[in-house]
Amino acid sequence: MAGYGLGRYDASVVVEDRAVADYYERAVTTAGDTLSPKLVANWVTGELFRLINEADLAITDVKVNPEDLVALIGMAVPLAISAVNSSKVQAEREVVEREAQQLYQAFLAFYERNGEYPKAFGVDGLDPTTLDPLRRRGYYDGPLLTRLFDERVDAYDSPDDRGRNQEFWLEMTLAEAPTVRFVVARSDNAPLGGGEWLDGVYIRHGRRLEAL
């Protein structure tokens, strides 16, 4: 068992019963390089032992042979990884949704004080990598950028068709899932908006924007 990289406890559990050790070694051989010996041991001493104990069986009576166990692990691991990734994406999305709402309020506060939204270019133009001047002037100080693709917003503009800097739109992409995009806007010029007047925070689903 030393060559399998098992800890002392796992190794002692596996070798305690010769039939268990034989079952485990056969499963490891079947798995080859596709599954680690440690992962196989976890399943043997975890799920397999649980089933054995619940049914009051010996391992030689189990209907699941080592080859079947390896196949089961091979199917379950990707599903588990997918579930973890999905949960992580959802958690990151919730953070961005919350921070995007804070950012929207920061734009409104900036407008209330300055009579216009941050410029798109030039001195005091909105910096897509820092969110200055909003951050520098204390309107927003959250962790939004750390959750975005390349740690920056994708695009920003403050169109002048209603007066100088009287509108704004900002688009950004979730780092954890680049297919998830957000718009923070008070404008009808946002590219993802399709010419519709947007006021608030939106998430893009396919070709459709949904208000948050």
Protein backbone atom coordinates (compact mmCIF):
# COMPACT_ATOMS: atom_id res chain seq x y z
CA MET A 1 0.00 0.00 0.00
CA ALA A 2 2.99 2.30 0.45
CA GLY A 3 3.16 2.91 -3.28
CA TYR A 4 -0.39 4.23 -3.36
CA GLY A 5 0.36 7.31 -1.29
CA LEU A 6 -2.25 6.53 1.37
CA GLY A 7 -2.06 7.98 4.83
CA ARG A 8 -1.49 5.68 7.79
CA TYR A 9 -5.17 5.59 8.76
CA ASP A 10 -6.49 4.89 5.24
CA ALA A 11 -3.88 2.21 4.67
CA SER A 12 -4.69 0.49 7.99
CA VAL A 13 -8.41 0.41 7.17
CA VAL A 14 -7.82 -1.05 3.71
CA VAL A 15 -5.37 -3.80 4.80
CA GLU A 16 -7.26 -4.79 7.95
CA ASP A 17 -9.37 -7.25 5.91
CA ARG A 18 -7.61 -9.25 3.17
CA ALA A 19 -10.78 -9.27 1.05
CA VAL A 20 -11.01 -5.47 1.28
CA ALA A 21 -7.34 -5.12 0.34
CA ASP A 22 -7.84 -7.37 -2.69
CA TYR A 23 -10.95 -5.43 -3.73
CA TYR A 24 -9.11 -2.12 -3.37
CA GLU A 25 -6.04 -3.24 -5.32
CA ARG A 26 -8.22 -4.55 -8.13
CA ALA A 27 -10.07 -1.22 -8.27
CA VAL A 28 -6.81 0.75 -8.32
CA THR A 29 -5.47 -1.45 -11.13
CA THR A 30 -8.68 -0.95 -13.11
CA ALA A 31 -8.57 2.82 -12.60
CA GLY A 32 -4.98 3.11 -13.77
CA ASP A 33 -4.09 6.76 -14.25
CA THR A 34 -7.72 7.93 -14.48
CA LEU A 35 -8.34 8.03 -10.71
CA SER A 36 -5.94 8.49 -7.84
CA PRO A 37 -5.46 5.60 -5.36
CA LYS A 38 -6.44 8.04 -2.59
CA LEU A 39 -9.76 8.81 -4.28
CA VAL A 40 -10.48 5.09 -4.75
CA ALA A 41 -9.64 4.49 -1.08
CA ASN A 42 -12.03 7.26 -0.06
CA TRP A 43 -14.84 5.56 -1.95
CA VAL A 44 -14.04 2.08 -0.67
CA THR A 45 -13.81 3.15 2.97
CA GLY A 46 -16.62 5.67 2.63
CA GLU A 47 -19.54 4.90 0.34
CA LEU A 48 -18.80 1.18 -0.10
CA PHE A 49 -18.32 0.55 3.62
CA ARG A 50 -21.51 2.50 4.35
CA LEU A 51 -23.51 0.24 2.02
CA ILE A 52 -21.88 -2.87 3.49
CA ASN A 53 -22.67 -1.82 7.04
CA GLU A 54 -26.25 -0.83 6.25
CA ALA A 55 -26.92 -4.19 4.55
CA ASP A 56 -24.83 -6.16 7.08
CA LEU A 57 -22.78 -7.77 4.31
CA ALA A 58 -19.21 -8.85 3.79
CA ILE A 59 -17.34 -7.19 0.94
CA THR A 60 -17.32 -10.51 -0.92
CA ASP A 61 -21.14 -10.37 -0.97
CA VAL A 62 -21.34 -6.92 -2.51
CA LYS A 63 -22.91 -6.83 -5.98
CA VAL A 64 -20.72 -3.85 -7.00
CA ASN A 65 -17.45 -5.27 -8.28
CA PRO A 66 -14.26 -3.18 -8.40
CA GLU A 67 -14.72 -2.42 -12.10
CA ASP A 68 -18.25 -1.15 -11.45
CA LEU A 69 -17.01 1.00 -8.56
CA VAL A 70 -14.36 2.60 -10.74
CA ALA A 71 -16.96 3.34 -13.43
CA LEU A 72 -19.25 4.86 -10.79
CA ILE A 73 -16.48 7.08 -9.43
CA GLY A 74 -15.63 8.15 -12.97
CA MET A 75 -19.22 9.33 -13.48
CA ALA A 76 -19.67 10.90 -10.06
CA VAL A 77 -16.50 12.99 -9.92
CA PRO A 78 -17.29 15.19 -12.97
CA LEU A 79 -20.81 15.72 -11.63
CA ALA A 80 -19.42 16.74 -8.26
CA ILE A 81 -16.94 19.11 -9.88
CA SER A 82 -19.73 20.58 -12.01
CA ALA A 83 -21.88 21.10 -8.93
CA VAL A 84 -19.03 22.80 -7.09
CA ASN A 85 -18.29 25.02 -10.09
CA SER A 86 -21.97 25.87 -10.48
CA SER A 87 -22.17 26.84 -6.81
CA LYS A 88 -19.06 28.95 -7.16
CA VAL A 89 -20.43 30.73 -10.23
CA GLN A 90 -23.69 31.41 -8.41
CA ALA A 91 -21.83 32.79 -5.40
CA GLU A 92 -19.66 35.04 -7.58
CA ARG A 93 -22.70 36.17 -9.56
CA GLU A 94 -24.48 37.17 -6.35
CA VAL A 95 -21.48 39.24 -5.27
CA VAL A 96 -21.35 41.01 -8.64
CA GLU A 97 -25.10 41.65 -8.60
CA ARG A 98 -24.82 43.21 -5.15
CA GLU A 99 -21.77 45.28 -6.04
CA ALA A 100 -23.30 46.37 -9.35
CA GLN A 101 -26.25 47.81 -7.44
CA GLN A 102 -23.80 49.70 -5.23
CA LEU A 103 -22.00 50.94 -8.31
CA TYR A 104 -25.27 52.15 -9.85
CA GLN A 105 -25.99 54.12 -6.69
CA ALA A 106 -22.46 55.55 -6.86
CA PHE A 107 -23.16 56.86 -10.37
CA LEU A 108 -26.39 58.50 -9.16
CA ALA A 109 -24.60 60.08 -6.20
CA PHE A 110 -21.86 61.36 -8.49
CA TYR A 111 -24.49 62.91 -10.77
CA GLU A 112 -26.35 64.50 -7.89
CA ARG A 113 -23.18 66.23 -6.72
CA ASN A 114 -21.64 67.09 -10.09
CA GLY A 115 -24.62 67.56 -12.41
CA GLU A 116 -23.20 64.98 -14.82
CA TYR A 117 -21.96 61.40 -14.91
CA PRO A 118 -18.23 60.60 -15.14
CA LYS A 119 -16.75 61.33 -18.54
CA ALA A 120 -15.77 58.53 -20.86
CA PHE A 121 -12.41 60.05 -21.79
CA GLY A 122 -9.91 62.69 -20.77
CA VAL A 123 -9.22 64.12 -17.34
CA ASP A 124 -11.46 62.45 -14.77
CA GLY A 125 -12.74 60.02 -17.38
CA LEU A 126 -13.88 56.71 -15.93
CA ASP A 127 -10.94 54.33 -15.66
CA PRO A 128 -12.13 50.78 -16.48
CA THR A 129 -9.34 49.23 -14.39
CA THR A 130 -9.89 51.23 -11.17
CA LEU A 131 -13.36 52.82 -11.48
CA ASP A 132 -11.81 56.21 -10.77
CA PRO A 133 -13.04 58.89 -10.29
CA LEU A 134 -15.83 57.05 -8.43
CA ARG A 135 -13.39 55.19 -6.22
CA ARG A 136 -10.93 58.06 -5.75
CA ARG A 137 -13.67 60.44 -4.69
CA GLY A 138 -15.26 57.98 -2.30
CA TYR A 139 -18.44 57.12 -4.20
CA TYR A 140 -17.59 53.43 -4.49
CA ASP A 141 -14.98 51.26 -2.75
CA GLY A 142 -16.26 47.67 -3.19
CA PRO A 143 -14.54 44.54 -4.57
CA LEU A 144 -16.40 44.45 -7.90
CA LEU A 145 -13.34 44.54 -10.15
CA THR A 146 -11.80 41.45 -8.54
CA ARG A 147 -14.80 39.43 -9.75
CA LEU A 148 -14.69 40.66 -13.34
CA PHE A 149 -12.92 39.27 -16.39
CA ASP A 150 -9.40 40.78 -16.51
CA GLU A 151 -10.35 42.68 -13.33
CA ARG A 152 -11.85 45.53 -15.33
CA VAL A 153 -15.12 46.67 -16.87
CA ASP A 154 -15.48 45.86 -20.56
CA ALA A 155 -16.69 49.24 -21.77
CA TYR A 156 -18.07 52.56 -20.55
CA ASP A 157 -19.57 55.62 -22.18
CA SER A 158 -21.40 58.78 -21.19
CA PRO A 159 -23.35 59.74 -24.35
CA ASP A 160 -24.16 63.39 -25.04
CA ASP A 161 -27.41 63.05 -26.98
CA ARG A 162 -29.41 64.25 -23.93
CA GLY A 163 -26.80 66.80 -22.93
CA ARG A 164 -23.17 66.52 -21.94
CA ASN A 165 -22.58 63.43 -19.78
CA GLN A 166 -26.28 63.15 -18.96
CA GLU A 167 -26.37 59.41 -19.56
CA PHE A 168 -24.06 56.54 -18.78
CA TRP A 169 -23.71 52.85 -19.50
CA LEU A 170 -21.18 50.29 -18.38
CA GLU A 171 -20.78 46.65 -19.44
CA MET A 172 -18.84 43.96 -17.59
CA THR A 173 -18.21 40.20 -17.65
CA LEU A 174 -18.14 37.75 -14.76
CA ALA A 175 -14.64 36.25 -14.45
CA GLU A 176 -15.90 32.90 -13.17
CA ALA A 177 -18.26 32.49 -16.16
CA PRO A 178 -17.46 34.72 -19.16
CA THR A 179 -20.86 33.99 -20.72
CA VAL A 180 -22.47 35.97 -17.87
CA ARG A 181 -22.52 39.68 -18.63
CA PHE A 182 -23.92 42.67 -16.78
CA VAL A 183 -24.99 46.17 -17.73
CA VAL A 184 -25.16 49.10 -15.33
CA ALA A 185 -26.83 52.00 -17.09
CA ARG A 186 -29.08 54.98 -17.28
CA SER A 187 -29.14 55.32 -21.04
CA ASP A 188 -30.65 54.07 -24.28
CA ASN A 189 -27.23 53.75 -25.90
CA ALA A 190 -25.84 50.63 -24.22
CA PRO A 191 -24.84 48.18 -26.97
CA LEU A 192 -26.39 45.24 -25.11
CA GLY A 193 -29.58 47.25 -24.60
CA GLY A 194 -30.61 47.23 -28.24
CA GLY A 195 -31.73 50.87 -28.15
CA GLU A 196 -34.04 50.44 -25.13
CA TRP A 197 -33.89 52.87 -22.22
CA LEU A 198 -32.08 51.11 -19.37
CA ASP A 199 -32.16 52.37 -15.81
CA GLY A 200 -30.48 50.15 -13.25
CA VAL A 201 -28.57 46.88 -13.27
CA TYR A 202 -29.21 44.13 -15.81
CA ILE A 203 -27.93 40.65 -16.55
CA ARG A 204 -27.77 39.26 -20.06
CA HIS A 205 -29.46 35.94 -20.84
CA GLY A 206 -28.73 34.99 -24.44
CA ARG A 207 -29.97 37.98 -26.44
CA ARG A 208 -32.21 39.24 -23.65
CA LEU A 209 -31.49 41.59 -20.72
CA GLU A 210 -33.17 40.97 -17.40
CA ALA A 211 -33.44 43.72 -14.81
CA LEU A 212 -32.02 42.86 -11.40
